[in-house]
């Protein structure tokens, strides 16, 4: 029955892309949540390290 094969392939395709989409959304949400609240600053300034300034 070719219709059932086509339906199975179609649903497998949809399930794969839906799963990938959800995984990407969850990963982006996790990245947003886990970012540090304060921006990290440089420990030393570059002006002190450059000998010609």
PDB file of N, CA and C in Angstrom:
ATOM      1  N   UNK A   1       0.844  -1.183   0.000  1.00  0.00           N
ATOM      2  CA  UNK A   1       0.000   0.000   0.000  1.00  0.00           C
ATOM      3  C   UNK A   1       0.891   1.248   0.000  1.00  0.00           C
ATOM      4  N   UNK A   2       1.034   1.851  -1.149  1.00  0.00           N
ATOM      5  CA  UNK A   2       1.955   2.991  -1.244  1.00  0.00           C
ATOM      6  C   UNK A   2       1.514   4.216  -0.443  1.00  0.00           C
ATOM      7  N   UNK A   3       0.215   4.368  -0.235  1.00  0.00           N
ATOM      8  CA  UNK A   3      -0.239   5.537   0.515  1.00  0.00           C
ATOM      9  C   UNK A   3       0.282   5.498   1.951  1.00  0.00           C
ATOM     10  N   UNK A   4       0.290   4.321   2.537  1.00  0.00           N
ATOM     11  CA  UNK A   4       0.766   4.210   3.910  1.00  0.00           C
ATOM     12  C   UNK A   4       2.262   4.502   3.999  1.00  0.00           C
ATOM     13  N   UNK A   5       3.013   4.083   3.019  1.00  0.00           N
ATOM     14  CA  UNK A   5       4.439   4.395   3.005  1.00  0.00           C
ATOM     15  C   UNK A   5       4.664   5.899   2.896  1.00  0.00           C
ATOM     16  N   UNK A   6       3.897   6.541   2.048  1.00  0.00           N
ATOM     17  CA  UNK A   6       4.026   7.986   1.879  1.00  0.00           C
ATOM     18  C   UNK A   6       3.649   8.714   3.161  1.00  0.00           C
ATOM     19  N   UNK A   7       2.589   8.288   3.794  1.00  0.00           N
ATOM     20  CA  UNK A   7       2.157   8.910   5.049  1.00  0.00           C
ATOM     21  C   UNK A   7       3.220   8.702   6.126  1.00  0.00           C
ATOM     22  N   UNK A   8       3.759   7.519   6.190  1.00  0.00           N
ATOM     23  CA  UNK A   8       4.797   7.231   7.183  1.00  0.00           C
ATOM     24  C   UNK A   8       6.033   8.118   6.952  1.00  0.00           C
ATOM     25  N   UNK A   9       6.464   8.231   5.730  1.00  0.00           N
ATOM     26  CA  UNK A   9       7.620   9.076   5.398  1.00  0.00           C
ATOM     27  C   UNK A   9       7.315  10.537   5.719  1.00  0.00           C
ATOM     28  N   UNK A  10       6.122  10.974   5.394  1.00  0.00           N
ATOM     29  CA  UNK A  10       5.734  12.353   5.665  1.00  0.00           C
ATOM     30  C   UNK A  10       5.741  12.645   7.163  1.00  0.00           C
ATOM     31  N   UNK A  11       5.149  11.767   7.956  1.00  0.00           N
ATOM     32  CA  UNK A  11       5.116  11.989   9.401  1.00  0.00           C
ATOM     33  C   UNK A  11       6.500  11.871  10.028  1.00  0.00           C
ATOM     34  N   UNK A  12       7.324  11.013   9.501  1.00  0.00           N
ATOM     35  CA  UNK A  12       8.699  10.928   9.987  1.00  0.00           C
ATOM     36  C   UNK A  12       9.452  12.216   9.678  1.00  0.00           C
ATOM     37  N   UNK A  13       9.256  12.736   8.497  1.00  0.00           N
ATOM     38  CA  UNK A  13       9.866  14.008   8.112  1.00  0.00           C
ATOM     39  C   UNK A  13       9.394  15.135   9.038  1.00  0.00           C
ATOM     40  N   UNK A  14       8.085  15.216   9.252  1.00  0.00           N
ATOM     41  CA  UNK A  14       7.550  16.260  10.129  1.00  0.00           C
ATOM     42  C   UNK A  14       8.068  16.123  11.555  1.00  0.00           C
ATOM     43  N   UNK A  15       8.078  14.902  12.057  1.00  0.00           N
ATOM     44  CA  UNK A  15       8.546  14.658  13.420  1.00  0.00           C
ATOM     45  C   UNK A  15      10.013  15.061  13.565  1.00  0.00           C
ATOM     46  N   UNK A  16      10.825  14.765  12.576  1.00  0.00           N
ATOM     47  CA  UNK A  16      12.249  15.103  12.623  1.00  0.00           C
ATOM     48  C   UNK A  16      12.452  16.611  12.673  1.00  0.00           C
ATOM     49  N   UNK A  17      11.777  17.332  11.805  1.00  0.00           N
ATOM     50  CA  UNK A  17      11.949  18.786  11.791  1.00  0.00           C
ATOM     51  C   UNK A  17      11.349  19.445  13.025  1.00  0.00           C
ATOM     52  N   UNK A  18      10.235  18.921  13.495  1.00  0.00           N
ATOM     53  CA  UNK A  18       9.637  19.459  14.716  1.00  0.00           C
ATOM     54  C   UNK A  18      10.567  19.241  15.908  1.00  0.00           C
ATOM     55  N   UNK A  19      11.156  18.068  16.000  1.00  0.00           N
ATOM     56  CA  UNK A  19      12.088  17.770  17.085  1.00  0.00           C
ATOM     57  C   UNK A  19      13.318  18.668  17.001  1.00  0.00           C
ATOM     58  N   UNK A  20      13.834  18.851  15.818  1.00  0.00           N
ATOM     59  CA  UNK A  20      14.984  19.730  15.635  1.00  0.00           C
ATOM     60  C   UNK A  20      14.637  21.172  16.013  1.00  0.00           C
ATOM     61  N   UNK A  21      13.481  21.627  15.613  1.00  0.00           N
ATOM     62  CA  UNK A  21      13.033  22.980  15.938  1.00  0.00           C
ATOM     63  C   UNK A  21      12.910  23.163  17.456  1.00  0.00           C
ATOM     64  N   UNK A  22      12.282  22.216  18.120  1.00  0.00           N
ATOM     65  CA  UNK A  22      12.124  22.290  19.575  1.00  0.00           C
ATOM     66  C   UNK A  22      13.488  22.260  20.263  1.00  0.00           C
ATOM     67  N   UNK A  23      14.374  21.415  19.791  1.00  0.00           N
ATOM     68  CA  UNK A  23      15.713  21.328  20.370  1.00  0.00           C
ATOM     69  C   UNK A  23      16.453  22.660  20.245  1.00  0.00           C
ATOM     70  N   UNK A  24      16.350  23.307  19.100  1.00  0.00           N
ATOM     71  CA  UNK A  24      17.017  24.598  18.892  1.00  0.00           C
ATOM     72  C   UNK A  24      16.397  25.667  19.790  1.00  0.00           C
ATOM     73  N   UNK A  25      15.078  25.671  19.904  1.00  0.00           N
ATOM     74  CA  UNK A  25      14.421  26.659  20.766  1.00  0.00           C
ATOM     75  C   UNK A  25      14.831  26.465  22.224  1.00  0.00           C
ATOM     76  N   UNK A  26      14.868  25.221  22.682  1.00  0.00           N
ATOM     77  CA  UNK A  26      15.265  24.952  24.064  1.00  0.00           C
ATOM     78  C   UNK A  26      16.722  25.344  24.288  1.00  0.00           C
ATOM     79  N   UNK A  27      17.569  25.088  23.313  1.00  0.00           N
ATOM     80  CA  UNK A  27      18.979  25.446  23.441  1.00  0.00           C
ATOM     81  C   UNK A  27      19.138  26.957  23.517  1.00  0.00           C
ATOM     82  N   UNK A  28      18.420  27.695  22.695  1.00  0.00           N
ATOM     83  CA  UNK A  28      18.501  29.157  22.740  1.00  0.00           C
ATOM     84  C   UNK A  28      17.965  29.690  24.059  1.00  0.00           C
ATOM     85  N   UNK A  29      16.904  29.105  24.558  1.00  0.00           N
ATOM     86  CA  UNK A  29      16.361  29.521  25.848  1.00  0.00           C
ATOM     87  C   UNK A  29      17.376  29.259  26.945  1.00  0.00           C
ATOM     88  N   UNK A  30      18.033  28.119  26.887  1.00  0.00           N
ATOM     89  CA  UNK A  30      19.040  27.787  27.884  1.00  0.00           C
ATOM     90  C   UNK A  30      20.216  28.759  27.811  1.00  0.00           C
ATOM     91  N   UNK A  31      20.612  29.150  26.610  1.00  0.00           N
ATOM     92  CA  UNK A  31      21.708  30.113  26.454  1.00  0.00           C
ATOM     93  C   UNK A  31      21.324  31.456  27.056  1.00  0.00           C
ATOM     94  N   UNK A  32      20.093  31.884  26.837  1.00  0.00           N
ATOM     95  CA  UNK A  32      19.636  33.171  27.368  1.00  0.00           C
ATOM     96  C   UNK A  32      19.603  33.118  28.892  1.00  0.00           C
ATOM     97  N   UNK A  33      19.140  32.023  29.453  1.00  0.00           N
ATOM     98  CA  UNK A  33      19.036  31.896  30.902  1.00  0.00           C
ATOM     99  C   UNK A  33      20.421  31.817  31.537  1.00  0.00           C
ATOM    100  N   UNK A  34      21.354  31.143  30.901  1.00  0.00           N
ATOM    101  CA  UNK A  34      22.651  30.896  31.519  1.00  0.00           C
ATOM    102  C   UNK A  34      23.688  31.985  31.269  1.00  0.00           C
ATOM    103  N   UNK A  35      23.334  33.052  30.583  1.00  0.00           N
ATOM    104  CA  UNK A  35      24.309  34.123  30.377  1.00  0.00           C
ATOM    105  C   UNK A  35      24.542  34.858  31.691  1.00  0.00           C
ATOM    106  N   UNK A  36      25.750  35.323  31.918  1.00  0.00           N
ATOM    107  CA  UNK A  36      26.023  36.041  33.170  1.00  0.00           C
ATOM    108  C   UNK A  36      25.279  37.373  33.219  1.00  0.00           C
ATOM    109  N   UNK A  37      24.918  37.761  34.402  1.00  0.00           N
ATOM    110  CA  UNK A  37      24.149  38.996  34.557  1.00  0.00           C
ATOM    111  C   UNK A  37      25.014  40.229  34.323  1.00  0.00           C
ATOM    112  N   UNK A  38      26.277  40.183  34.794  1.00  0.00           N
ATOM    113  CA  UNK A  38      27.177  41.316  34.618  1.00  0.00           C
ATOM    114  C   UNK A  38      28.113  41.025  33.453  1.00  0.00           C
ATOM    115  N   UNK A  39      28.354  42.011  32.614  1.00  0.00           N
ATOM    116  CA  UNK A  39      29.321  41.770  31.537  1.00  0.00           C
ATOM    117  C   UNK A  39      30.729  41.664  32.118  1.00  0.00           C
ATOM    118  N   UNK A  40      31.492  40.748  31.606  1.00  0.00           N
ATOM    119  CA  UNK A  40      32.857  40.580  32.110  1.00  0.00           C
ATOM    120  C   UNK A  40      33.742  41.699  31.566  1.00  0.00           C
ATOM    121  N   UNK A  41      34.517  42.279  32.434  1.00  0.00           N
ATOM    122  CA  UNK A  41      35.416  43.361  32.031  1.00  0.00           C
ATOM    123  C   UNK A  41      36.824  42.794  31.886  1.00  0.00           C
ATOM    124  N   UNK A  42      37.623  43.509  31.127  1.00  0.00           N
ATOM    125  CA  UNK A  42      39.006  43.073  30.969  1.00  0.00           C
ATOM    126  C   UNK A  42      39.738  43.262  32.291  1.00  0.00           C
ATOM    127  N   UNK A  43      40.606  42.328  32.617  1.00  0.00           N
ATOM    128  CA  UNK A  43      41.310  42.405  33.894  1.00  0.00           C
ATOM    129  C   UNK A  43      42.349  43.526  33.895  1.00  0.00           C
ATOM    130  N   UNK A  44      43.028  43.697  32.794  1.00  0.00           N
ATOM    131  CA  UNK A  44      44.027  44.767  32.703  1.00  0.00           C
ATOM    132  C   UNK A  44      43.721  45.611  31.477  1.00  0.00           C
ATOM    133  N   UNK A  45      44.051  46.848  31.564  1.00  0.00           N
ATOM    134  CA  UNK A  45      43.814  47.712  30.406  1.00  0.00           C
ATOM    135  C   UNK A  45      44.970  47.576  29.426  1.00  0.00           C
ATOM    136  N   UNK A  46      44.689  47.794  28.175  1.00  0.00           N
ATOM    137  CA  UNK A  46      45.709  47.660  27.148  1.00  0.00           C
ATOM    138  C   UNK A  46      46.691  48.835  27.161  1.00  0.00           C
ATOM    139  N   UNK A  47      46.296  49.957  27.699  1.00  0.00           N
ATOM    140  CA  UNK A  47      47.182  51.123  27.717  1.00  0.00           C
ATOM    141  C   UNK A  47      48.451  50.841  28.514  1.00  0.00           C
ATOM    142  N   UNK A  48      48.334  50.114  29.597  1.00  0.00           N
ATOM    143  CA  UNK A  48      49.496  49.829  30.432  1.00  0.00           C
ATOM    144  C   UNK A  48      50.421  48.803  29.796  1.00  0.00           C
ATOM    145  N   UNK A  49      49.939  48.027  28.887  1.00  0.00           N
ATOM    146  CA  UNK A  49      50.744  46.965  28.307  1.00  0.00           C
ATOM    147  C   UNK A  49      51.473  47.395  27.047  1.00  0.00           C
ATOM    148  N   UNK A  50      51.073  48.475  26.434  1.00  0.00           N
ATOM    149  CA  UNK A  50      51.694  48.898  25.187  1.00  0.00           C
ATOM    150  C   UNK A  50      52.892  49.799  25.492  1.00  0.00           C
ATOM    151  N   UNK A  51      54.099  49.421  25.062  1.00  0.00           N
ATOM    152  CA  UNK A  51      55.282  50.211  25.424  1.00  0.00           C
ATOM    153  C   UNK A  51      55.387  51.544  24.687  1.00  0.00           C
ATOM    154  N   UNK A  52      54.753  51.694  23.538  1.00  0.00           N
ATOM    155  CA  UNK A  52      54.917  52.916  22.756  1.00  0.00           C
ATOM    156  C   UNK A  52      53.890  53.988  23.082  1.00  0.00           C
ATOM    157  N   UNK A  53      53.058  53.771  24.084  1.00  0.00           N
ATOM    158  CA  UNK A  53      52.087  54.812  24.441  1.00  0.00           C
ATOM    159  C   UNK A  53      52.496  55.510  25.707  1.00  0.00           C
TER     160      UNK A  53
END
